[in-house]
Amino acid sequence: MFKNPLHLLGLFTTLLACAAPGSGRAERNPHPYVGMWITADGRIRQELLANGRYEEERDGRKRAYTGRYTVTGTHLDYHDDLGFTATGDVRDGVLYHEHLVLYRQERPS
């Protein structure tokens, strides 16, 4: 299932951070990639949640894809609830997710 031991380590680290009772770590200091990422045309919106899950909206269809993700450095591994996997990399503040290019949506102040 895990071809690269770093994937397992990333998953384990994410689970520990989310499951630690009363730690509140995710709320206090979420990973910098947590938040909404959007294609330039706005058709695809991918939200990386602090609990290691993601939800993707496509052409207005909410939760078109959902699953979990792990982060190793600037690399993301996605494991969709339907069983397929994908990868992404963040370079210069841009998320390159397979054939998609997503930009960070700034949080409202």
N, C-alpha and C. Protein backbone atom coordinates (compact mmCIF):
# COMPACT_ATOMS: atom_id res chain seq x y z
N MET A 1 0.82 -1.18 0.00
CA MET A 1 0.00 0.00 0.00
C MET A 1 0.87 1.25 0.00
N PHE A 2 1.87 1.31 0.90
CA PHE A 2 2.76 2.46 0.94
C PHE A 2 4.08 2.04 0.31
N LYS A 3 4.35 2.55 -0.89
CA LYS A 3 5.57 2.19 -1.59
C LYS A 3 6.77 2.95 -1.05
N ASN A 4 6.52 4.11 -0.49
CA ASN A 4 7.59 4.93 0.04
C ASN A 4 7.37 5.11 1.54
N PRO A 5 8.34 4.73 2.36
CA PRO A 5 8.15 4.85 3.81
C PRO A 5 7.88 6.28 4.27
N LEU A 6 8.31 7.28 3.48
CA LEU A 6 8.03 8.66 3.85
C LEU A 6 6.54 8.96 3.81
N HIS A 7 5.80 8.30 2.92
CA HIS A 7 4.35 8.48 2.86
C HIS A 7 3.71 8.01 4.16
N LEU A 8 4.16 6.85 4.63
CA LEU A 8 3.64 6.32 5.88
C LEU A 8 4.00 7.23 7.04
N LEU A 9 5.21 7.74 7.05
CA LEU A 9 5.63 8.66 8.09
C LEU A 9 4.79 9.94 8.05
N GLY A 10 4.52 10.46 6.86
CA GLY A 10 3.69 11.65 6.73
C GLY A 10 2.29 11.42 7.24
N LEU A 11 1.71 10.26 6.91
CA LEU A 11 0.37 9.92 7.39
C LEU A 11 0.37 9.78 8.90
N PHE A 12 1.36 9.10 9.43
CA PHE A 12 1.45 8.90 10.88
C PHE A 12 1.57 10.24 11.60
N THR A 13 2.41 11.13 11.08
CA THR A 13 2.59 12.45 11.69
C THR A 13 1.29 13.24 11.66
N THR A 14 0.58 13.19 10.53
CA THR A 14 -0.70 13.89 10.41
C THR A 14 -1.71 13.34 11.40
N LEU A 15 -1.78 12.02 11.50
CA LEU A 15 -2.73 11.40 12.43
C LEU A 15 -2.41 11.75 13.87
N LEU A 16 -1.14 11.75 14.24
CA LEU A 16 -0.76 12.11 15.60
C LEU A 16 -1.15 13.55 15.92
N ALA A 17 -0.91 14.44 14.98
CA ALA A 17 -1.23 15.86 15.21
C ALA A 17 -2.73 16.06 15.38
N CYS A 18 -3.52 15.31 14.63
CA CYS A 18 -4.98 15.48 14.68
C CYS A 18 -5.61 14.73 15.85
N ALA A 19 -4.99 13.64 16.30
CA ALA A 19 -5.62 12.79 17.30
C ALA A 19 -5.17 13.08 18.73
N ALA A 20 -4.13 13.85 18.89
CA ALA A 20 -3.64 14.11 20.25
C ALA A 20 -4.71 14.82 21.07
N PRO A 21 -5.17 14.18 22.16
CA PRO A 21 -6.25 14.77 22.95
C PRO A 21 -5.86 16.11 23.54
N GLY A 22 -6.71 17.10 23.29
CA GLY A 22 -6.52 18.42 23.86
C GLY A 22 -5.32 19.18 23.35
N SER A 23 -4.66 18.66 22.31
CA SER A 23 -3.45 19.35 21.86
C SER A 23 -3.78 20.67 21.20
N GLY A 24 -4.84 20.69 20.40
CA GLY A 24 -5.23 21.92 19.72
C GLY A 24 -4.18 22.42 18.75
N ARG A 25 -3.18 21.62 18.44
CA ARG A 25 -2.09 22.04 17.57
C ARG A 25 -2.60 22.53 16.23
N ALA A 26 -3.52 21.79 15.62
CA ALA A 26 -4.00 22.15 14.30
C ALA A 26 -4.68 23.52 14.30
N GLU A 27 -5.38 23.83 15.39
CA GLU A 27 -6.05 25.13 15.45
C GLU A 27 -5.06 26.26 15.69
N ARG A 28 -4.04 26.01 16.52
CA ARG A 28 -3.09 27.06 16.86
C ARG A 28 -2.11 27.34 15.73
N ASN A 29 -1.65 26.29 15.06
CA ASN A 29 -0.58 26.45 14.09
C ASN A 29 -0.78 25.47 12.93
N PRO A 30 -1.77 25.71 12.08
CA PRO A 30 -2.00 24.77 10.98
C PRO A 30 -0.85 24.82 9.97
N HIS A 31 -0.72 23.76 9.22
CA HIS A 31 0.30 23.70 8.18
C HIS A 31 0.07 24.86 7.21
N PRO A 32 1.13 25.46 6.68
CA PRO A 32 0.96 26.61 5.80
C PRO A 32 0.16 26.31 4.52
N TYR A 33 0.03 25.06 4.14
CA TYR A 33 -0.72 24.74 2.93
C TYR A 33 -2.22 24.59 3.19
N VAL A 34 -2.63 24.55 4.45
CA VAL A 34 -4.05 24.41 4.79
C VAL A 34 -4.78 25.64 4.28
N GLY A 35 -5.94 25.40 3.67
CA GLY A 35 -6.76 26.50 3.16
C GLY A 35 -7.27 26.19 1.76
N MET A 36 -7.80 27.21 1.10
CA MET A 36 -8.42 27.05 -0.21
C MET A 36 -7.43 27.37 -1.32
N TRP A 37 -7.41 26.50 -2.32
CA TRP A 37 -6.59 26.67 -3.52
C TRP A 37 -7.55 26.64 -4.72
N ILE A 38 -7.35 27.53 -5.68
CA ILE A 38 -8.31 27.71 -6.78
C ILE A 38 -7.56 27.84 -8.11
N THR A 39 -8.14 27.25 -9.17
CA THR A 39 -7.57 27.45 -10.50
C THR A 39 -7.85 28.90 -10.93
N ALA A 40 -7.08 29.39 -11.90
CA ALA A 40 -7.20 30.78 -12.35
C ALA A 40 -8.61 31.09 -12.86
N ASP A 41 -9.27 30.11 -13.48
CA ASP A 41 -10.63 30.35 -13.99
C ASP A 41 -11.71 30.11 -12.94
N GLY A 42 -11.31 29.67 -11.73
CA GLY A 42 -12.25 29.47 -10.64
C GLY A 42 -13.11 28.22 -10.75
N ARG A 43 -12.89 27.39 -11.75
CA ARG A 43 -13.72 26.20 -11.96
C ARG A 43 -13.43 25.10 -10.94
N ILE A 44 -12.21 25.06 -10.44
CA ILE A 44 -11.83 24.01 -9.49
C ILE A 44 -11.32 24.66 -8.23
N ARG A 45 -11.90 24.24 -7.11
CA ARG A 45 -11.54 24.75 -5.79
C ARG A 45 -11.18 23.55 -4.92
N GLN A 46 -9.99 23.58 -4.36
CA GLN A 46 -9.55 22.47 -3.52
C GLN A 46 -9.21 23.03 -2.13
N GLU A 47 -9.92 22.51 -1.12
CA GLU A 47 -9.65 22.96 0.24
C GLU A 47 -8.86 21.88 0.97
N LEU A 48 -7.69 22.27 1.45
CA LEU A 48 -6.88 21.38 2.29
C LEU A 48 -7.23 21.70 3.73
N LEU A 49 -7.80 20.73 4.41
CA LEU A 49 -8.26 20.92 5.78
C LEU A 49 -7.15 20.60 6.77
N ALA A 50 -7.21 21.22 7.94
CA ALA A 50 -6.18 21.04 8.96
C ALA A 50 -6.12 19.61 9.50
N ASN A 51 -7.18 18.83 9.32
CA ASN A 51 -7.21 17.46 9.84
C ASN A 51 -6.64 16.44 8.85
N GLY A 52 -6.00 16.90 7.77
CA GLY A 52 -5.39 15.98 6.81
C GLY A 52 -6.35 15.49 5.74
N ARG A 53 -7.51 16.10 5.65
CA ARG A 53 -8.50 15.75 4.62
C ARG A 53 -8.55 16.88 3.59
N TYR A 54 -9.09 16.55 2.41
CA TYR A 54 -9.31 17.59 1.41
C TYR A 54 -10.70 17.41 0.81
N GLU A 55 -11.24 18.51 0.31
CA GLU A 55 -12.51 18.51 -0.42
C GLU A 55 -12.30 19.33 -1.68
N GLU A 56 -12.72 18.77 -2.80
CA GLU A 56 -12.54 19.46 -4.07
C GLU A 56 -13.88 19.71 -4.73
N GLU A 57 -14.07 20.95 -5.15
CA GLU A 57 -15.27 21.35 -5.88
C GLU A 57 -14.90 21.54 -7.34
N ARG A 58 -15.73 20.99 -8.23
CA ARG A 58 -15.48 21.13 -9.67
C ARG A 58 -16.74 21.63 -10.35
N ASP A 59 -16.59 22.74 -11.05
CA ASP A 59 -17.70 23.33 -11.80
C ASP A 59 -18.95 23.47 -10.94
N GLY A 60 -18.78 23.90 -9.70
CA GLY A 60 -19.91 24.12 -8.80
C GLY A 60 -20.41 22.87 -8.08
N ARG A 61 -19.87 21.72 -8.42
CA ARG A 61 -20.28 20.48 -7.75
C ARG A 61 -19.44 20.30 -6.48
N LYS A 62 -20.06 20.64 -5.35
CA LYS A 62 -19.35 20.57 -4.07
C LYS A 62 -18.98 19.13 -3.75
N ARG A 63 -17.83 18.96 -3.12
CA ARG A 63 -17.33 17.65 -2.70
C ARG A 63 -17.31 16.65 -3.85
N ALA A 64 -16.92 17.13 -5.03
CA ALA A 64 -16.80 16.23 -6.18
C ALA A 64 -15.76 15.15 -5.90
N TYR A 65 -14.70 15.54 -5.20
CA TYR A 65 -13.68 14.60 -4.76
C TYR A 65 -13.34 14.90 -3.31
N THR A 66 -13.18 13.86 -2.52
CA THR A 66 -12.78 14.01 -1.12
C THR A 66 -11.78 12.91 -0.78
N GLY A 67 -10.97 13.17 0.21
CA GLY A 67 -10.02 12.16 0.63
C GLY A 67 -9.06 12.73 1.65
N ARG A 68 -7.90 12.09 1.75
CA ARG A 68 -6.91 12.55 2.70
C ARG A 68 -5.64 12.92 1.93
N TYR A 69 -4.82 13.71 2.58
CA TYR A 69 -3.55 14.10 1.98
C TYR A 69 -2.47 14.10 3.05
N THR A 70 -1.23 13.92 2.61
CA THR A 70 -0.08 14.05 3.48
C THR A 70 0.91 15.00 2.81
N VAL A 71 1.69 15.67 3.64
CA VAL A 71 2.68 16.61 3.14
C VAL A 71 4.06 16.15 3.59
N THR A 72 4.98 16.09 2.65
CA THR A 72 6.38 15.80 2.92
C THR A 72 7.19 16.91 2.26
N GLY A 73 7.67 17.84 3.06
CA GLY A 73 8.36 19.00 2.49
C GLY A 73 7.38 19.85 1.71
N THR A 74 7.61 19.97 0.41
CA THR A 74 6.70 20.72 -0.47
C THR A 74 5.87 19.78 -1.35
N HIS A 75 5.95 18.49 -1.09
CA HIS A 75 5.24 17.47 -1.89
C HIS A 75 3.98 17.01 -1.16
N LEU A 76 2.90 16.87 -1.91
CA LEU A 76 1.64 16.36 -1.35
C LEU A 76 1.28 15.04 -2.02
N ASP A 77 0.80 14.11 -1.22
CA ASP A 77 0.25 12.85 -1.73
C ASP A 77 -1.22 12.82 -1.36
N TYR A 78 -2.05 12.59 -2.36
CA TYR A 78 -3.50 12.54 -2.18
C TYR A 78 -3.97 11.10 -2.28
N HIS A 79 -4.90 10.73 -1.40
CA HIS A 79 -5.52 9.40 -1.42
C HIS A 79 -7.02 9.64 -1.39
N ASP A 80 -7.63 9.55 -2.55
CA ASP A 80 -9.05 9.85 -2.67
C ASP A 80 -9.90 8.75 -2.05
N ASP A 81 -11.07 9.13 -1.54
CA ASP A 81 -11.98 8.17 -0.93
C ASP A 81 -12.47 7.11 -1.92
N LEU A 82 -12.38 7.40 -3.22
CA LEU A 82 -12.78 6.43 -4.24
C LEU A 82 -11.67 5.43 -4.56
N GLY A 83 -10.45 5.66 -4.01
CA GLY A 83 -9.39 4.68 -4.17
C GLY A 83 -8.23 5.11 -5.05
N PHE A 84 -8.35 6.22 -5.77
CA PHE A 84 -7.22 6.59 -6.61
C PHE A 84 -6.28 7.53 -5.86
N THR A 85 -5.08 7.66 -6.38
CA THR A 85 -4.07 8.52 -5.75
C THR A 85 -3.62 9.58 -6.74
N ALA A 86 -3.09 10.67 -6.21
CA ALA A 86 -2.54 11.75 -7.02
C ALA A 86 -1.44 12.41 -6.22
N THR A 87 -0.70 13.28 -6.88
CA THR A 87 0.37 13.99 -6.21
C THR A 87 0.30 15.48 -6.55
N GLY A 88 1.01 16.25 -5.76
CA GLY A 88 1.10 17.68 -6.01
C GLY A 88 2.40 18.21 -5.43
N ASP A 89 2.79 19.36 -5.90
CA ASP A 89 3.99 20.03 -5.38
C ASP A 89 3.71 21.51 -5.31
N VAL A 90 4.18 22.15 -4.24
CA VAL A 90 4.05 23.59 -4.10
C VAL A 90 5.39 24.21 -4.46
N ARG A 91 5.35 25.09 -5.45
CA ARG A 91 6.55 25.81 -5.88
C ARG A 91 6.21 27.29 -6.00
N ASP A 92 6.97 28.12 -5.33
CA ASP A 92 6.77 29.57 -5.36
C ASP A 92 5.33 29.96 -5.03
N GLY A 93 4.73 29.27 -4.05
CA GLY A 93 3.39 29.60 -3.60
C GLY A 93 2.27 29.13 -4.51
N VAL A 94 2.59 28.30 -5.50
CA VAL A 94 1.60 27.76 -6.43
C VAL A 94 1.55 26.26 -6.25
N LEU A 95 0.33 25.69 -6.22
CA LEU A 95 0.14 24.25 -6.07
C LEU A 95 -0.04 23.62 -7.44
N TYR A 96 0.89 22.78 -7.83
CA TYR A 96 0.81 22.03 -9.08
C TYR A 96 0.32 20.64 -8.72
N HIS A 97 -0.95 20.39 -9.01
CA HIS A 97 -1.63 19.15 -8.63
C HIS A 97 -1.97 18.40 -9.91
N GLU A 98 -1.15 17.38 -10.21
CA GLU A 98 -1.27 16.65 -11.48
C GLU A 98 -1.26 17.66 -12.62
N HIS A 99 -2.32 17.77 -13.41
CA HIS A 99 -2.35 18.70 -14.55
C HIS A 99 -2.91 20.08 -14.18
N LEU A 100 -3.29 20.27 -12.91
CA LEU A 100 -3.90 21.53 -12.48
C LEU A 100 -2.85 22.48 -11.89
N VAL A 101 -3.14 23.77 -12.04
CA VAL A 101 -2.34 24.81 -11.39
C VAL A 101 -3.32 25.58 -10.51
N LEU A 102 -3.06 25.55 -9.20
CA LEU A 102 -3.98 26.19 -8.23
C LEU A 102 -3.24 27.27 -7.47
N TYR A 103 -3.98 28.35 -7.21
CA TYR A 103 -3.43 29.49 -6.51
C TYR A 103 -4.12 29.63 -5.15
N ARG A 104 -3.38 30.10 -4.19
CA ARG A 104 -3.89 30.24 -2.83
C ARG A 104 -4.94 31.34 -2.77
N GLN A 105 -6.10 31.02 -2.20
CA GLN A 105 -7.11 32.04 -1.95
C GLN A 105 -6.81 32.64 -0.58
N GLU A 106 -6.63 33.92 -0.55
CA GLU A 106 -6.33 34.59 0.72
C GLU A 106 -7.54 34.51 1.63
N ARG A 107 -7.26 34.32 2.91
CA ARG A 107 -8.32 34.29 3.93
C ARG A 107 -8.81 35.71 4.17
N PRO A 108 -10.13 35.87 4.36
CA PRO A 108 -10.63 37.21 4.67
C PRO A 108 -10.11 37.66 6.03
N SER A 109 -9.81 38.94 6.16
CA SER A 109 -9.29 39.48 7.42
C SER A 109 -10.37 39.70 8.42
